[in-house]
Amino acid sequence: MTTTAMKFAAAHALVLLATGVFSSAVSAQQVFRIVGPDGKVTFSDQPPPASSNARVTAAASDSGRGVATASLPFELRKVAGQYPVTLYTGNDCSPCGSARSMLSARGIPFTEKTVTTNEDSQALKRLSGETALPFVTIGSQQLKGFSDAEWTQFLDAAGYPKSSVLPPSYRQAAATPLVTVNTAPAAPQPGVARAAAAPAPAPVTPAATPDNPAGIRF
């Protein structure tokens, strides 16, 4: 690829990134897991109305940063704040490992979300339109499947350094599930009586004797 073509490709990628930020700033940013009164589970990018009596038990968001940016160099912190990177991975996924290694080797601070349960898959489909992995977002730009050349193009266009500038003290945050279900404590089942407390022992009254007719105990 010629230098001119490379510059054009990078500029085109930057336009796509900017377009994604301004035209879909909210889309694919947050998914609510909603449990209706009938127990049916649905996913939506909008919280349920209060009148629906539905319960939001978890929310998945690719804007929820697992990245500690305070210790990053100023320029990298600025880029990571404007175009945060979130990587979605699964078990036994070789391309996911390649994607993770590529981001780590380049020194890209990123959040990793794991997709291992059916609920994770549903949430991922709501975010990306499909369940293929790996999946990455750079700002609001979505990239499906791992391609070193394509990912490099968009990371370059976003302004990420071409080689790592992470401080030695930086530690990548641990991966977390895409959907975290908040389980409420089980309510007591109706009709099940609680175990009665043992009655307190009755006080022992001293027996009356000829020398102590009143039964007084000292």
Protein backbone atom coordinates (compact mmCIF):
# COMPACT_ATOMS: atom_id res chain seq x y z
CA MET A 1 0.00 0.00 0.00
CA THR A 2 1.39 3.41 -0.94
CA THR A 3 1.89 6.19 1.59
CA THR A 4 -0.97 8.16 0.07
CA ALA A 5 -3.31 5.18 0.24
CA MET A 6 -2.36 4.54 3.86
CA LYS A 7 -3.05 8.15 4.80
CA PHE A 8 -6.41 7.99 3.02
CA ALA A 9 -7.34 4.76 4.81
CA ALA A 10 -6.42 6.25 8.19
CA ALA A 11 -8.39 9.41 7.45
CA HIS A 12 -11.37 7.33 6.37
CA ALA A 13 -11.15 5.32 9.58
CA LEU A 14 -11.04 8.51 11.64
CA VAL A 15 -14.15 9.77 9.88
CA LEU A 16 -15.91 6.51 10.72
CA LEU A 17 -14.85 6.81 14.34
CA ALA A 18 -16.09 10.38 14.58
CA THR A 19 -19.32 9.46 12.85
CA GLY A 20 -19.87 6.64 15.31
CA VAL A 21 -19.33 8.97 18.25
CA PHE A 22 -21.80 11.63 17.13
CA SER A 23 -24.44 9.57 15.32
CA SER A 24 -24.73 6.69 17.79
CA ALA A 25 -23.46 8.02 21.08
CA VAL A 26 -26.02 6.04 23.02
CA SER A 27 -26.58 3.00 20.83
CA ALA A 28 -24.69 -0.11 21.89
CA GLN A 29 -23.56 1.63 25.04
CA GLN A 30 -25.80 0.06 27.65
CA VAL A 31 -28.01 -2.99 27.79
CA PHE A 32 -30.53 -3.52 30.57
CA ARG A 33 -31.55 -7.03 31.59
CA ILE A 34 -35.24 -6.73 32.46
CA VAL A 35 -37.35 -9.31 34.27
CA GLY A 36 -41.07 -8.71 33.73
CA PRO A 37 -43.86 -9.50 36.23
CA ASP A 38 -44.41 -12.80 34.38
CA GLY A 39 -40.74 -13.75 34.80
CA LYS A 40 -39.87 -13.21 31.12
CA VAL A 41 -36.33 -11.89 30.59
CA THR A 42 -35.71 -9.30 27.88
CA PHE A 43 -32.79 -7.02 26.96
CA SER A 44 -33.17 -3.39 26.00
CA ASP A 45 -31.07 -0.25 25.68
CA GLN A 46 -33.83 1.62 27.52
CA PRO A 47 -34.81 1.07 31.19
CA PRO A 48 -38.40 -0.12 31.72
CA PRO A 49 -41.06 2.44 32.73
CA ALA A 50 -41.86 2.52 36.42
CA SER A 51 -45.47 1.54 35.69
CA SER A 52 -44.41 -1.79 34.17
CA ASN A 53 -43.48 -3.30 37.55
CA ALA A 54 -40.51 -4.89 35.77
CA ARG A 55 -37.24 -5.46 37.58
CA VAL A 56 -33.80 -4.62 36.26
CA THR A 57 -31.51 -7.25 37.72
CA ALA A 58 -28.38 -6.41 35.74
CA ALA A 59 -27.01 -3.94 33.26
CA ALA A 60 -24.25 -4.58 30.79
CA SER A 61 -22.35 -1.66 29.37
CA ASP A 62 -19.38 -1.32 27.14
CA SER A 63 -18.90 2.16 28.56
CA GLY A 64 -18.34 0.72 32.01
CA ARG A 65 -14.58 1.16 32.16
CA GLY A 66 -12.41 -1.43 33.81
CA VAL A 67 -9.44 0.75 32.88
CA ALA A 68 -7.49 2.75 35.43
CA THR A 69 -6.64 5.87 33.43
CA ALA A 70 -5.31 8.09 36.22
CA SER A 71 -1.78 6.69 35.91
CA LEU A 72 -1.63 6.90 32.11
CA PRO A 73 0.47 9.50 30.25
CA PHE A 74 -1.58 12.56 29.35
CA GLU A 75 -1.90 11.91 25.60
CA LEU A 76 -2.82 8.25 26.10
CA ARG A 77 -5.29 9.15 28.84
CA LYS A 78 -6.91 11.68 26.49
CA VAL A 79 -7.28 9.14 23.67
CA ALA A 80 -8.53 6.40 26.02
CA GLY A 81 -11.13 8.81 27.37
CA GLN A 82 -12.36 9.80 23.91
CA TYR A 83 -12.12 6.39 22.24
CA PRO A 84 -12.23 3.75 25.01
CA VAL A 85 -11.55 0.19 23.89
CA THR A 86 -13.68 -2.74 25.04
CA LEU A 87 -12.85 -6.30 24.00
CA TYR A 88 -15.44 -9.09 24.14
CA THR A 89 -14.02 -12.60 24.38
CA GLY A 90 -15.11 -16.19 24.96
CA ASN A 91 -13.70 -19.50 26.15
CA ASP A 92 -11.70 -21.70 23.76
CA CYS A 93 -11.48 -18.80 21.29
CA SER A 94 -8.08 -18.64 19.60
CA PRO A 95 -8.82 -15.36 17.74
CA CYS A 96 -9.84 -13.85 21.09
CA GLY A 97 -6.40 -14.67 22.46
CA SER A 98 -4.76 -13.13 19.40
CA ALA A 99 -6.85 -9.98 19.80
CA ARG A 100 -5.97 -9.69 23.49
CA SER A 101 -2.27 -10.20 22.76
CA MET A 102 -2.31 -7.58 20.02
CA LEU A 103 -3.88 -4.95 22.27
CA SER A 104 -1.58 -5.79 25.17
CA ALA A 105 1.58 -5.77 23.02
CA ARG A 106 0.70 -2.34 21.63
CA GLY A 107 -0.01 -1.00 25.12
CA ILE A 108 -3.71 -0.30 24.55
CA PRO A 109 -5.60 0.10 27.85
CA PHE A 110 -8.83 -1.83 27.39
CA THR A 111 -11.76 -3.35 29.22
CA GLU A 112 -12.38 -7.06 28.66
CA LYS A 113 -15.86 -8.54 28.89
CA THR A 114 -16.32 -12.32 28.78
CA VAL A 115 -19.22 -13.97 26.96
CA THR A 116 -19.75 -17.42 28.47
CA THR A 117 -23.44 -17.74 29.39
CA ASN A 118 -26.64 -17.62 27.41
CA GLU A 119 -27.44 -14.26 29.00
CA ASP A 120 -24.03 -12.94 27.94
CA SER A 121 -24.73 -14.10 24.36
CA GLN A 122 -28.12 -12.38 24.33
CA ALA A 123 -26.58 -9.15 25.57
CA LEU A 124 -23.78 -9.36 22.98
CA LYS A 125 -26.33 -9.90 20.22
CA ARG A 126 -28.19 -6.83 21.44
CA LEU A 127 -24.95 -4.85 21.29
CA SER A 128 -23.47 -6.05 18.00
CA GLY A 129 -26.33 -7.75 16.16
CA GLU A 130 -24.65 -11.17 16.34
CA THR A 131 -22.76 -13.42 18.73
CA ALA A 132 -19.46 -13.78 16.84
CA LEU A 133 -16.27 -13.35 18.86
CA PRO A 134 -13.98 -11.58 19.28
CA PHE A 135 -15.78 -8.28 19.11
CA VAL A 136 -14.23 -4.90 19.92
CA THR A 137 -15.48 -1.35 20.25
CA ILE A 138 -13.20 1.66 19.82
CA GLY A 139 -15.32 4.52 21.02
CA SER A 140 -18.63 3.81 19.27
CA GLN A 141 -16.97 2.05 16.33
CA GLN A 142 -17.64 -1.70 16.25
CA LEU A 143 -15.25 -4.25 14.74
CA LYS A 144 -16.41 -7.85 14.41
CA GLY A 145 -13.84 -10.62 14.20
CA PHE A 146 -10.10 -10.14 14.67
CA SER A 147 -8.04 -8.59 11.89
CA ASP A 148 -4.65 -7.21 12.90
CA ALA A 149 -4.55 -4.86 9.89
CA GLU A 150 -8.08 -3.53 10.37
CA TRP A 151 -7.75 -3.07 14.14
CA THR A 152 -4.39 -1.35 13.66
CA GLN A 153 -5.96 1.04 11.15
CA PHE A 154 -8.70 2.12 13.52
CA LEU A 155 -6.41 2.36 16.55
CA ASP A 156 -4.04 4.54 14.51
CA ALA A 157 -6.93 6.71 13.36
CA ALA A 158 -8.13 7.12 16.95
CA GLY A 159 -4.69 8.39 17.93
CA TYR A 160 -3.37 5.51 20.03
CA PRO A 161 0.45 5.26 20.13
CA LYS A 162 1.94 2.72 17.74
CA SER A 163 4.00 1.20 20.56
CA SER A 164 3.40 0.91 24.28
CA VAL A 165 3.87 3.97 26.48
CA LEU A 166 2.23 2.37 29.51
CA PRO A 167 4.07 3.01 32.80
CA PRO A 168 5.75 -0.03 34.43
CA SER A 169 3.24 0.15 37.28
CA TYR A 170 0.23 -0.26 34.98
CA ARG A 171 -1.79 -3.42 35.46
CA GLN A 172 -4.53 -4.55 33.11
CA ALA A 173 -7.87 -4.99 34.89
CA ALA A 174 -9.20 -8.53 35.13
CA ALA A 175 -11.88 -9.59 32.66
CA THR A 176 -15.45 -9.49 33.93
CA PRO A 177 -18.68 -11.11 32.66
CA LEU A 178 -20.72 -9.09 30.21
CA VAL A 179 -23.86 -9.68 32.27
CA THR A 180 -23.73 -9.83 36.05
CA VAL A 181 -26.96 -11.08 37.61
CA ASN A 182 -27.73 -9.60 41.00
CA THR A 183 -29.48 -12.35 42.89
CA ALA A 184 -31.82 -11.17 45.64
CA PRO A 185 -31.96 -13.17 48.89
CA ALA A 186 -34.66 -15.84 48.78
CA ALA A 187 -37.93 -14.80 50.43
CA PRO A 188 -39.46 -17.14 53.02
CA GLN A 189 -41.86 -19.58 51.37
CA PRO A 190 -45.51 -19.08 52.36
CA GLY A 191 -46.98 -21.70 54.61
CA VAL A 192 -43.62 -22.70 56.07
CA ALA A 193 -43.64 -21.97 59.76
CA ARG A 194 -40.45 -20.91 61.41
CA ALA A 195 -39.05 -23.21 64.08
CA ALA A 196 -40.39 -22.19 67.46
CA ALA A 197 -37.85 -21.03 69.98
CA ALA A 198 -37.27 -23.40 72.87
CA PRO A 199 -39.21 -22.27 75.94
CA ALA A 200 -37.16 -20.88 78.77
CA PRO A 201 -36.80 -23.28 81.71
CA ALA A 202 -39.19 -22.62 84.55
CA PRO A 203 -37.61 -21.27 87.73
CA VAL A 204 -36.99 -23.87 90.40
CA THR A 205 -38.90 -23.17 93.58
CA PRO A 206 -37.19 -24.50 96.76
CA ALA A 207 -39.24 -27.07 98.62
CA ALA A 208 -40.60 -26.10 102.03
CA THR A 209 -39.03 -27.85 105.05
CA PRO A 210 -39.76 -27.76 108.80
CA ASP A 211 -36.78 -25.44 109.24
CA ASN A 212 -37.84 -23.27 106.28
CA PRO A 213 -41.63 -23.40 105.98
CA ALA A 214 -41.70 -20.49 103.48
CA GLY A 215 -39.26 -22.17 101.09
CA ILE A 216 -36.96 -19.16 101.03
CA ARG A 217 -33.69 -19.74 99.18
CA PHE A 218 -30.53 -17.83 100.00
